[in-house]
């Protein structure tokens, strides 16, 4: 499940429950995830967290290629820490 918009935790929880009734495959979710807190919330519900639009935005907002790399790495690190915090 992915998308550039955002979904409520309630909607994501319901959607994951519906999917789990039909598959044993891992479920990854990505709906407007931009912060470590959002990543942690999704990590508590799903098997994987997908981030796309937030990374594209960091690249688009960067003033240089070096800044884009730095900003993307920083965001990835923060999001990963959010996921790890939810899994402990």
PDB file of N, CA and C in Angstrom:
ATOM      1  N   UNK A   1       0.846  -1.165   0.000  1.00  0.00           N
ATOM      2  CA  UNK A   1       0.000   0.000   0.000  1.00  0.00           C
ATOM      3  C   UNK A   1       0.897   1.234   0.000  1.00  0.00           C
ATOM      4  N   UNK A   2       0.754   2.067  -0.986  1.00  0.00           N
ATOM      5  CA  UNK A   2       1.544   3.297  -1.030  1.00  0.00           C
ATOM      6  C   UNK A   2       0.710   4.441  -1.576  1.00  0.00           C
ATOM      7  N   UNK A   3       1.237   5.654  -1.400  1.00  0.00           N
ATOM      8  CA  UNK A   3       0.585   6.836  -1.938  1.00  0.00           C
ATOM      9  C   UNK A   3       1.238   8.090  -1.408  1.00  0.00           C
ATOM     10  N   UNK A   4       1.092   9.190  -2.130  1.00  0.00           N
ATOM     11  CA  UNK A   4       1.718  10.447  -1.721  1.00  0.00           C
ATOM     12  C   UNK A   4       0.934  11.143  -0.619  1.00  0.00           C
ATOM     13  N   UNK A   5      -0.331  10.814  -0.480  1.00  0.00           N
ATOM     14  CA  UNK A   5      -1.149  11.449   0.551  1.00  0.00           C
ATOM     15  C   UNK A   5      -0.908  10.820   1.904  1.00  0.00           C
ATOM     16  N   UNK A   6      -1.795  11.114   2.825  1.00  0.00           N
ATOM     17  CA  UNK A   6      -1.664  10.514   4.143  1.00  0.00           C
ATOM     18  C   UNK A   6      -2.954   9.797   4.493  1.00  0.00           C
ATOM     19  N   UNK A   7      -2.834   8.801   5.342  1.00  0.00           N
ATOM     20  CA  UNK A   7      -3.988   8.043   5.803  1.00  0.00           C
ATOM     21  C   UNK A   7      -3.942   8.016   7.322  1.00  0.00           C
ATOM     22  N   UNK A   8      -5.102   7.892   7.926  1.00  0.00           N
ATOM     23  CA  UNK A   8      -5.128   7.829   9.383  1.00  0.00           C
ATOM     24  C   UNK A   8      -4.649   6.461   9.847  1.00  0.00           C
ATOM     25  N   UNK A   9      -4.185   6.402  11.075  1.00  0.00           N
ATOM     26  CA  UNK A   9      -3.756   5.127  11.649  1.00  0.00           C
ATOM     27  C   UNK A   9      -4.903   4.133  11.624  1.00  0.00           C
ATOM     28  N   UNK A  10      -6.098   4.620  11.878  1.00  0.00           N
ATOM     29  CA  UNK A  10      -7.276   3.747  11.853  1.00  0.00           C
ATOM     30  C   UNK A  10      -7.475   3.127  10.471  1.00  0.00           C
ATOM     31  N   UNK A  11      -7.371   3.928   9.418  1.00  0.00           N
ATOM     32  CA  UNK A  11      -7.532   3.404   8.058  1.00  0.00           C
ATOM     33  C   UNK A  11      -6.444   2.397   7.719  1.00  0.00           C
ATOM     34  N   UNK A  12      -5.216   2.697   8.104  1.00  0.00           N
ATOM     35  CA  UNK A  12      -4.105   1.781   7.822  1.00  0.00           C
ATOM     36  C   UNK A  12      -4.305   0.475   8.582  1.00  0.00           C
ATOM     37  N   UNK A  13      -4.688   0.564   9.838  1.00  0.00           N
ATOM     38  CA  UNK A  13      -4.920  -0.637  10.647  1.00  0.00           C
ATOM     39  C   UNK A  13      -5.996  -1.507  10.016  1.00  0.00           C
ATOM     40  N   UNK A  14      -7.080  -0.900   9.583  1.00  0.00           N
ATOM     41  CA  UNK A  14      -8.174  -1.645   8.944  1.00  0.00           C
ATOM     42  C   UNK A  14      -7.718  -2.276   7.632  1.00  0.00           C
ATOM     43  N   UNK A  15      -6.980  -1.528   6.829  1.00  0.00           N
ATOM     44  CA  UNK A  15      -6.515  -2.050   5.543  1.00  0.00           C
ATOM     45  C   UNK A  15      -5.559  -3.222   5.741  1.00  0.00           C
ATOM     46  N   UNK A  16      -4.661  -3.103   6.700  1.00  0.00           N
ATOM     47  CA  UNK A  16      -3.722  -4.198   6.965  1.00  0.00           C
ATOM     48  C   UNK A  16      -4.476  -5.437   7.442  1.00  0.00           C
ATOM     49  N   UNK A  17      -5.453  -5.259   8.301  1.00  0.00           N
ATOM     50  CA  UNK A  17      -6.249  -6.399   8.776  1.00  0.00           C
ATOM     51  C   UNK A  17      -6.938  -7.101   7.608  1.00  0.00           C
ATOM     52  N   UNK A  18      -7.500  -6.322   6.686  1.00  0.00           N
ATOM     53  CA  UNK A  18      -8.147  -6.919   5.502  1.00  0.00           C
ATOM     54  C   UNK A  18      -7.131  -7.692   4.668  1.00  0.00           C
ATOM     55  N   UNK A  19      -5.968  -7.104   4.449  1.00  0.00           N
ATOM     56  CA  UNK A  19      -4.939  -7.776   3.654  1.00  0.00           C
ATOM     57  C   UNK A  19      -4.458  -9.056   4.329  1.00  0.00           C
ATOM     58  N   UNK A  20      -4.254  -9.014   5.626  1.00  0.00           N
ATOM     59  CA  UNK A  20      -3.753 -10.189   6.357  1.00  0.00           C
ATOM     60  C   UNK A  20      -4.742 -11.359   6.298  1.00  0.00           C
ATOM     61  N   UNK A  21      -6.017 -11.068   6.123  1.00  0.00           N
ATOM     62  CA  UNK A  21      -7.007 -12.143   5.976  1.00  0.00           C
ATOM     63  C   UNK A  21      -6.834 -12.891   4.655  1.00  0.00           C
ATOM     64  N   UNK A  22      -6.146 -12.268   3.695  1.00  0.00           N
ATOM     65  CA  UNK A  22      -6.029 -12.855   2.363  1.00  0.00           C
ATOM     66  C   UNK A  22      -4.621 -13.286   1.985  1.00  0.00           C
ATOM     67  N   UNK A  23      -3.630 -12.951   2.802  1.00  0.00           N
ATOM     68  CA  UNK A  23      -2.259 -13.306   2.440  1.00  0.00           C
ATOM     69  C   UNK A  23      -1.384 -13.465   3.673  1.00  0.00           C
ATOM     70  N   UNK A  24      -0.380 -14.308   3.515  1.00  0.00           N
ATOM     71  CA  UNK A  24       0.656 -14.456   4.541  1.00  0.00           C
ATOM     72  C   UNK A  24       1.912 -13.688   4.144  1.00  0.00           C
ATOM     73  N   UNK A  25       1.861 -13.016   3.006  1.00  0.00           N
ATOM     74  CA  UNK A  25       3.016 -12.250   2.539  1.00  0.00           C
ATOM     75  C   UNK A  25       3.243 -11.029   3.430  1.00  0.00           C
ATOM     76  N   UNK A  26       4.483 -10.565   3.510  1.00  0.00           N
ATOM     77  CA  UNK A  26       4.752  -9.336   4.269  1.00  0.00           C
ATOM     78  C   UNK A  26       4.002  -8.151   3.653  1.00  0.00           C
ATOM     79  N   UNK A  27       3.570  -7.244   4.495  1.00  0.00           N
ATOM     80  CA  UNK A  27       2.823  -6.066   4.049  1.00  0.00           C
ATOM     81  C   UNK A  27       3.634  -4.822   4.369  1.00  0.00           C
ATOM     82  N   UNK A  28       3.879  -4.025   3.338  1.00  0.00           N
ATOM     83  CA  UNK A  28       4.580  -2.750   3.499  1.00  0.00           C
ATOM     84  C   UNK A  28       3.609  -1.617   3.218  1.00  0.00           C
ATOM     85  N   UNK A  29       3.781  -0.526   3.945  1.00  0.00           N
ATOM     86  CA  UNK A  29       2.857   0.599   3.842  1.00  0.00           C
ATOM     87  C   UNK A  29       3.638   1.880   3.661  1.00  0.00           C
ATOM     88  N   UNK A  30       3.138   2.753   2.797  1.00  0.00           N
ATOM     89  CA  UNK A  30       3.728   4.066   2.619  1.00  0.00           C
ATOM     90  C   UNK A  30       2.693   5.075   2.182  1.00  0.00           C
ATOM     91  N   UNK A  31       2.200   5.861   3.091  1.00  0.00           N
ATOM     92  CA  UNK A  31       1.236   6.918   2.793  1.00  0.00           C
ATOM     93  C   UNK A  31       1.703   8.209   3.437  1.00  0.00           C
ATOM     94  N   UNK A  32       2.435   9.018   2.718  1.00  0.00           N
ATOM     95  CA  UNK A  32       2.830  10.321   3.240  1.00  0.00           C
ATOM     96  C   UNK A  32       3.740  10.274   4.449  1.00  0.00           C
ATOM     97  N   UNK A  33       4.558   9.248   4.558  1.00  0.00           N
ATOM     98  CA  UNK A  33       5.458   9.120   5.706  1.00  0.00           C
ATOM     99  C   UNK A  33       6.619  10.086   5.526  1.00  0.00           C
ATOM    100  N   UNK A  34       6.749  11.014   6.470  1.00  0.00           N
ATOM    101  CA  UNK A  34       7.758  12.067   6.370  1.00  0.00           C
ATOM    102  C   UNK A  34       8.582  12.243   7.636  1.00  0.00           C
ATOM    103  N   UNK A  35       8.124  11.672   8.746  1.00  0.00           N
ATOM    104  CA  UNK A  35       8.809  11.886  10.018  1.00  0.00           C
ATOM    105  C   UNK A  35       9.147  10.549  10.676  1.00  0.00           C
ATOM    106  N   UNK A  36      10.130  10.553  11.578  1.00  0.00           N
ATOM    107  CA  UNK A  36      10.438   9.324  12.318  1.00  0.00           C
ATOM    108  C   UNK A  36       9.234   8.815  13.118  1.00  0.00           C
ATOM    109  N   UNK A  37       8.435   9.719  13.636  1.00  0.00           N
ATOM    110  CA  UNK A  37       7.259   9.322  14.403  1.00  0.00           C
ATOM    111  C   UNK A  37       6.253   8.588  13.520  1.00  0.00           C
ATOM    112  N   UNK A  38       6.033   9.103  12.320  1.00  0.00           N
ATOM    113  CA  UNK A  38       5.123   8.430  11.390  1.00  0.00           C
ATOM    114  C   UNK A  38       5.682   7.068  10.991  1.00  0.00           C
ATOM    115  N   UNK A  39       6.979   6.997  10.738  1.00  0.00           N
ATOM    116  CA  UNK A  39       7.604   5.721  10.379  1.00  0.00           C
ATOM    117  C   UNK A  39       7.450   4.714  11.514  1.00  0.00           C
ATOM    118  N   UNK A  40       7.629   5.163  12.752  1.00  0.00           N
ATOM    119  CA  UNK A  40       7.475   4.277  13.906  1.00  0.00           C
ATOM    120  C   UNK A  40       6.042   3.772  14.014  1.00  0.00           C
ATOM    121  N   UNK A  41       5.080   4.654  13.820  1.00  0.00           N
ATOM    122  CA  UNK A  41       3.670   4.245  13.895  1.00  0.00           C
ATOM    123  C   UNK A  41       3.352   3.171  12.870  1.00  0.00           C
ATOM    124  N   UNK A  42       3.815   3.344  11.651  1.00  0.00           N
ATOM    125  CA  UNK A  42       3.563   2.352  10.605  1.00  0.00           C
ATOM    126  C   UNK A  42       4.322   1.066  10.900  1.00  0.00           C
ATOM    127  N   UNK A  43       5.546   1.168  11.402  1.00  0.00           N
ATOM    128  CA  UNK A  43       6.348  -0.019  11.712  1.00  0.00           C
ATOM    129  C   UNK A  43       5.686  -0.886  12.780  1.00  0.00           C
ATOM    130  N   UNK A  44       4.895  -0.283  13.643  1.00  0.00           N
ATOM    131  CA  UNK A  44       4.170  -1.056  14.660  1.00  0.00           C
ATOM    132  C   UNK A  44       3.023  -1.860  14.043  1.00  0.00           C
ATOM    133  N   UNK A  45       2.563  -1.448  12.866  1.00  0.00           N
ATOM    134  CA  UNK A  45       1.404  -2.071  12.232  1.00  0.00           C
ATOM    135  C   UNK A  45       1.769  -2.996  11.079  1.00  0.00           C
ATOM    136  N   UNK A  46       2.765  -2.613  10.308  1.00  0.00           N
ATOM    137  CA  UNK A  46       3.092  -3.315   9.065  1.00  0.00           C
ATOM    138  C   UNK A  46       4.471  -3.958   9.157  1.00  0.00           C
ATOM    139  N   UNK A  47       4.764  -4.785   8.168  1.00  0.00           N
ATOM    140  CA  UNK A  47       6.069  -5.445   8.107  1.00  0.00           C
ATOM    141  C   UNK A  47       7.137  -4.535   7.527  1.00  0.00           C
ATOM    142  N   UNK A  48       6.728  -3.567   6.724  1.00  0.00           N
ATOM    143  CA  UNK A  48       7.684  -2.658   6.098  1.00  0.00           C
ATOM    144  C   UNK A  48       7.117  -1.261   5.983  1.00  0.00           C
ATOM    145  N   UNK A  49       8.028  -0.295   5.919  1.00  0.00           N
ATOM    146  CA  UNK A  49       7.669   1.118   5.790  1.00  0.00           C
ATOM    147  C   UNK A  49       8.274   1.628   4.488  1.00  0.00           C
ATOM    148  N   UNK A  50       7.447   2.211   3.630  1.00  0.00           N
ATOM    149  CA  UNK A  50       7.889   2.712   2.330  1.00  0.00           C
ATOM    150  C   UNK A  50       7.878   4.236   2.354  1.00  0.00           C
ATOM    151  N   UNK A  51       9.002   4.823   1.975  1.00  0.00           N
ATOM    152  CA  UNK A  51       9.098   6.280   1.897  1.00  0.00           C
ATOM    153  C   UNK A  51       9.545   6.635   0.491  1.00  0.00           C
ATOM    154  N   UNK A  52       8.813   7.489  -0.173  1.00  0.00           N
ATOM    155  CA  UNK A  52       9.168   7.909  -1.524  1.00  0.00           C
ATOM    156  C   UNK A  52       9.063   9.406  -1.691  1.00  0.00           C
ATOM    157  N   UNK A  53       7.862   9.928  -1.526  1.00  0.00           N
ATOM    158  CA  UNK A  53       7.609  11.346  -1.782  1.00  0.00           C
ATOM    159  C   UNK A  53       8.464  12.262  -0.918  1.00  0.00           C
ATOM    160  N   UNK A  54       8.681  11.899   0.331  1.00  0.00           N
ATOM    161  CA  UNK A  54       9.498  12.743   1.216  1.00  0.00           C
ATOM    162  C   UNK A  54      10.933  12.830   0.704  1.00  0.00           C
ATOM    163  N   UNK A  55      11.440  11.734   0.149  1.00  0.00           N
ATOM    164  CA  UNK A  55      12.799  11.742  -0.405  1.00  0.00           C
ATOM    165  C   UNK A  55      12.861  12.570  -1.685  1.00  0.00           C
ATOM    166  N   UNK A  56      11.860  12.416  -2.532  1.00  0.00           N
ATOM    167  CA  UNK A  56      11.797  13.210  -3.762  1.00  0.00           C
ATOM    168  C   UNK A  56      11.736  14.692  -3.423  1.00  0.00           C
ATOM    169  N   UNK A  57      10.959  15.042  -2.408  1.00  0.00           N
ATOM    170  CA  UNK A  57      10.864  16.446  -1.989  1.00  0.00           C
ATOM    171  C   UNK A  57      12.203  16.979  -1.495  1.00  0.00           C
ATOM    172  N   UNK A  58      12.935  16.181  -0.725  1.00  0.00           N
ATOM    173  CA  UNK A  58      14.261  16.611  -0.248  1.00  0.00           C
ATOM    174  C   UNK A  58      15.182  16.906  -1.426  1.00  0.00           C
ATOM    175  N   UNK A  59      15.152  16.047  -2.427  1.00  0.00           N
ATOM    176  CA  UNK A  59      15.991  16.243  -3.612  1.00  0.00           C
ATOM    177  C   UNK A  59      15.570  17.507  -4.352  1.00  0.00           C
ATOM    178  N   UNK A  60      14.267  17.688  -4.524  1.00  0.00           N
ATOM    179  CA  UNK A  60      13.760  18.854  -5.257  1.00  0.00           C
ATOM    180  C   UNK A  60      14.075  20.163  -4.545  1.00  0.00           C
ATOM    181  N   UNK A  61      14.109  20.146  -3.221  1.00  0.00           N
ATOM    182  CA  UNK A  61      14.341  21.365  -2.447  1.00  0.00           C
ATOM    183  C   UNK A  61      15.822  21.700  -2.286  1.00  0.00           C
ATOM    184  N   UNK A  62      16.686  20.754  -2.576  1.00  0.00           N
ATOM    185  CA  UNK A  62      18.121  20.969  -2.367  1.00  0.00           C
ATOM    186  C   UNK A  62      18.671  21.990  -3.359  1.00  0.00           C
ATOM    187  N   UNK A  63      19.623  22.767  -2.896  1.00  0.00           N
ATOM    188  CA  UNK A  63      20.266  23.788  -3.733  1.00  0.00           C
ATOM    189  C   UNK A  63      21.421  23.219  -4.550  1.00  0.00           C
ATOM    190  N   UNK A  64      21.875  22.015  -4.192  1.00  0.00           N
ATOM    191  CA  UNK A  64      22.981  21.387  -4.920  1.00  0.00           C
ATOM    192  C   UNK A  64      22.870  19.873  -4.777  1.00  0.00           C
ATOM    193  N   UNK A  65      23.615  19.171  -5.608  1.00  0.00           N
ATOM    194  CA  UNK A  65      23.631  17.709  -5.528  1.00  0.00           C
ATOM    195  C   UNK A  65      24.174  17.251  -4.181  1.00  0.00           C
ATOM    196  N   UNK A  66      25.213  17.913  -3.699  1.00  0.00           N
ATOM    197  CA  UNK A  66      25.781  17.544  -2.400  1.00  0.00           C
ATOM    198  C   UNK A  66      24.762  17.727  -1.279  1.00  0.00           C
ATOM    199  N   UNK A  67      24.021  18.825  -1.328  1.00  0.00           N
ATOM    200  CA  UNK A  67      22.995  19.056  -0.307  1.00  0.00           C
ATOM    201  C   UNK A  67      21.900  18.002  -0.409  1.00  0.00           C
ATOM    202  N   UNK A  68      21.530  17.626  -1.627  1.00  0.00           N
ATOM    203  CA  UNK A  68      20.503  16.600  -1.814  1.00  0.00           C
ATOM    204  C   UNK A  68      20.935  15.293  -1.164  1.00  0.00           C
ATOM    205  N   UNK A  69      22.175  14.900  -1.399  1.00  0.00           N
ATOM    206  CA  UNK A  69      22.687  13.658  -0.813  1.00  0.00           C
ATOM    207  C   UNK A  69      22.672  13.752   0.711  1.00  0.00           C
ATOM    208  N   UNK A  70      23.171  14.856   1.240  1.00  0.00           N
ATOM    209  CA  UNK A  70      23.210  15.043   2.692  1.00  0.00           C
ATOM    210  C   UNK A  70      21.810  15.003   3.291  1.00  0.00           C
ATOM    211  N   UNK A  71      20.875  15.709   2.674  1.00  0.00           N
ATOM    212  CA  UNK A  71      19.509  15.776   3.194  1.00  0.00           C
ATOM    213  C   UNK A  71      18.803  14.422   3.121  1.00  0.00           C
ATOM    214  N   UNK A  72      18.999  13.700   2.021  1.00  0.00           N
ATOM    215  CA  UNK A  72      18.373  12.385   1.867  1.00  0.00           C
ATOM    216  C   UNK A  72      18.949  11.403   2.890  1.00  0.00           C
ATOM    217  N   UNK A  73      20.267  11.403   3.044  1.00  0.00           N
ATOM    218  CA  UNK A  73      20.876  10.507   4.029  1.00  0.00           C
ATOM    219  C   UNK A  73      20.410  10.827   5.445  1.00  0.00           C
ATOM    220  N   UNK A  74      20.290  12.098   5.752  1.00  0.00           N
ATOM    221  CA  UNK A  74      19.825  12.511   7.077  1.00  0.00           C
ATOM    222  C   UNK A  74      18.394  12.047   7.326  1.00  0.00           C
ATOM    223  N   UNK A  75      17.530  12.233   6.337  1.00  0.00           N
ATOM    224  CA  UNK A  75      16.144  11.795   6.481  1.00  0.00           C
ATOM    225  C   UNK A  75      16.070  10.277   6.612  1.00  0.00           C
ATOM    226  N   UNK A  76      16.813   9.557   5.783  1.00  0.00           N
ATOM    227  CA  UNK A  76      16.809   8.090   5.856  1.00  0.00           C
ATOM    228  C   UNK A  76      17.260   7.607   7.227  1.00  0.00           C
ATOM    229  N   UNK A  77      18.295   8.228   7.755  1.00  0.00           N
ATOM    230  CA  UNK A  77      18.794   7.858   9.076  1.00  0.00           C
ATOM    231  C   UNK A  77      17.735   8.088  10.151  1.00  0.00           C
ATOM    232  N   UNK A  78      17.083   9.237  10.104  1.00  0.00           N
ATOM    233  CA  UNK A  78      16.048   9.557  11.091  1.00  0.00           C
ATOM    234  C   UNK A  78      14.853   8.611  10.970  1.00  0.00           C
ATOM    235  N   UNK A  79      14.439   8.317   9.745  1.00  0.00           N
ATOM    236  CA  UNK A  79      13.310   7.413   9.543  1.00  0.00           C
ATOM    237  C   UNK A  79      13.651   6.001  10.009  1.00  0.00           C
ATOM    238  N   UNK A  80      14.859   5.545   9.705  1.00  0.00           N
ATOM    239  CA  UNK A  80      15.293   4.214  10.137  1.00  0.00           C
ATOM    240  C   UNK A  80      15.308   4.117  11.659  1.00  0.00           C
ATOM    241  N   UNK A  81      15.753   5.168  12.316  1.00  0.00           N
ATOM    242  CA  UNK A  81      15.745   5.178  13.780  1.00  0.00           C
ATOM    243  C   UNK A  81      14.315   5.094  14.307  1.00  0.00           C
ATOM    244  N   UNK A  82      13.389   5.761  13.640  1.00  0.00           N
ATOM    245  CA  UNK A  82      11.985   5.657  14.027  1.00  0.00           C
ATOM    246  C   UNK A  82      11.475   4.229  13.920  1.00  0.00           C
ATOM    247  N   UNK A  83      11.817   3.560  12.828  1.00  0.00           N
ATOM    248  CA  UNK A  83      11.404   2.166  12.643  1.00  0.00           C
ATOM    249  C   UNK A  83      12.041   1.285  13.717  1.00  0.00           C
ATOM    250  N   UNK A  84      13.342   1.452  13.946  1.00  0.00           N
ATOM    251  CA  UNK A  84      14.021   0.643  14.966  1.00  0.00           C
ATOM    252  C   UNK A  84      13.400   0.853  16.348  1.00  0.00           C
ATOM    253  N   UNK A  85      13.028   2.074  16.662  1.00  0.00           N
ATOM    254  CA  UNK A  85      12.441   2.349  17.980  1.00  0.00           C
ATOM    255  C   UNK A  85      11.110   1.621  18.161  1.00  0.00           C
ATOM    256  N   UNK A  86      10.393   1.428  17.079  1.00  0.00           N
ATOM    257  CA  UNK A  86       9.103   0.742  17.148  1.00  0.00           C
ATOM    258  C   UNK A  86       9.262  -0.764  17.279  1.00  0.00           C
ATOM    259  N   UNK A  87      10.397  -1.273  16.879  1.00  0.00           N
ATOM    260  CA  UNK A  87      10.609  -2.720  16.858  1.00  0.00           C
ATOM    261  C   UNK A  87      11.271  -3.240  18.127  1.00  0.00           C
ATOM    262  N   UNK A  88      11.601  -2.375  19.072  1.00  0.00           N
ATOM    263  CA  UNK A  88      12.259  -2.814  20.316  1.00  0.00           C
ATOM    264  C   UNK A  88      11.274  -2.981  21.421  1.00  0.00           C
TER     265      UNK A  88
END
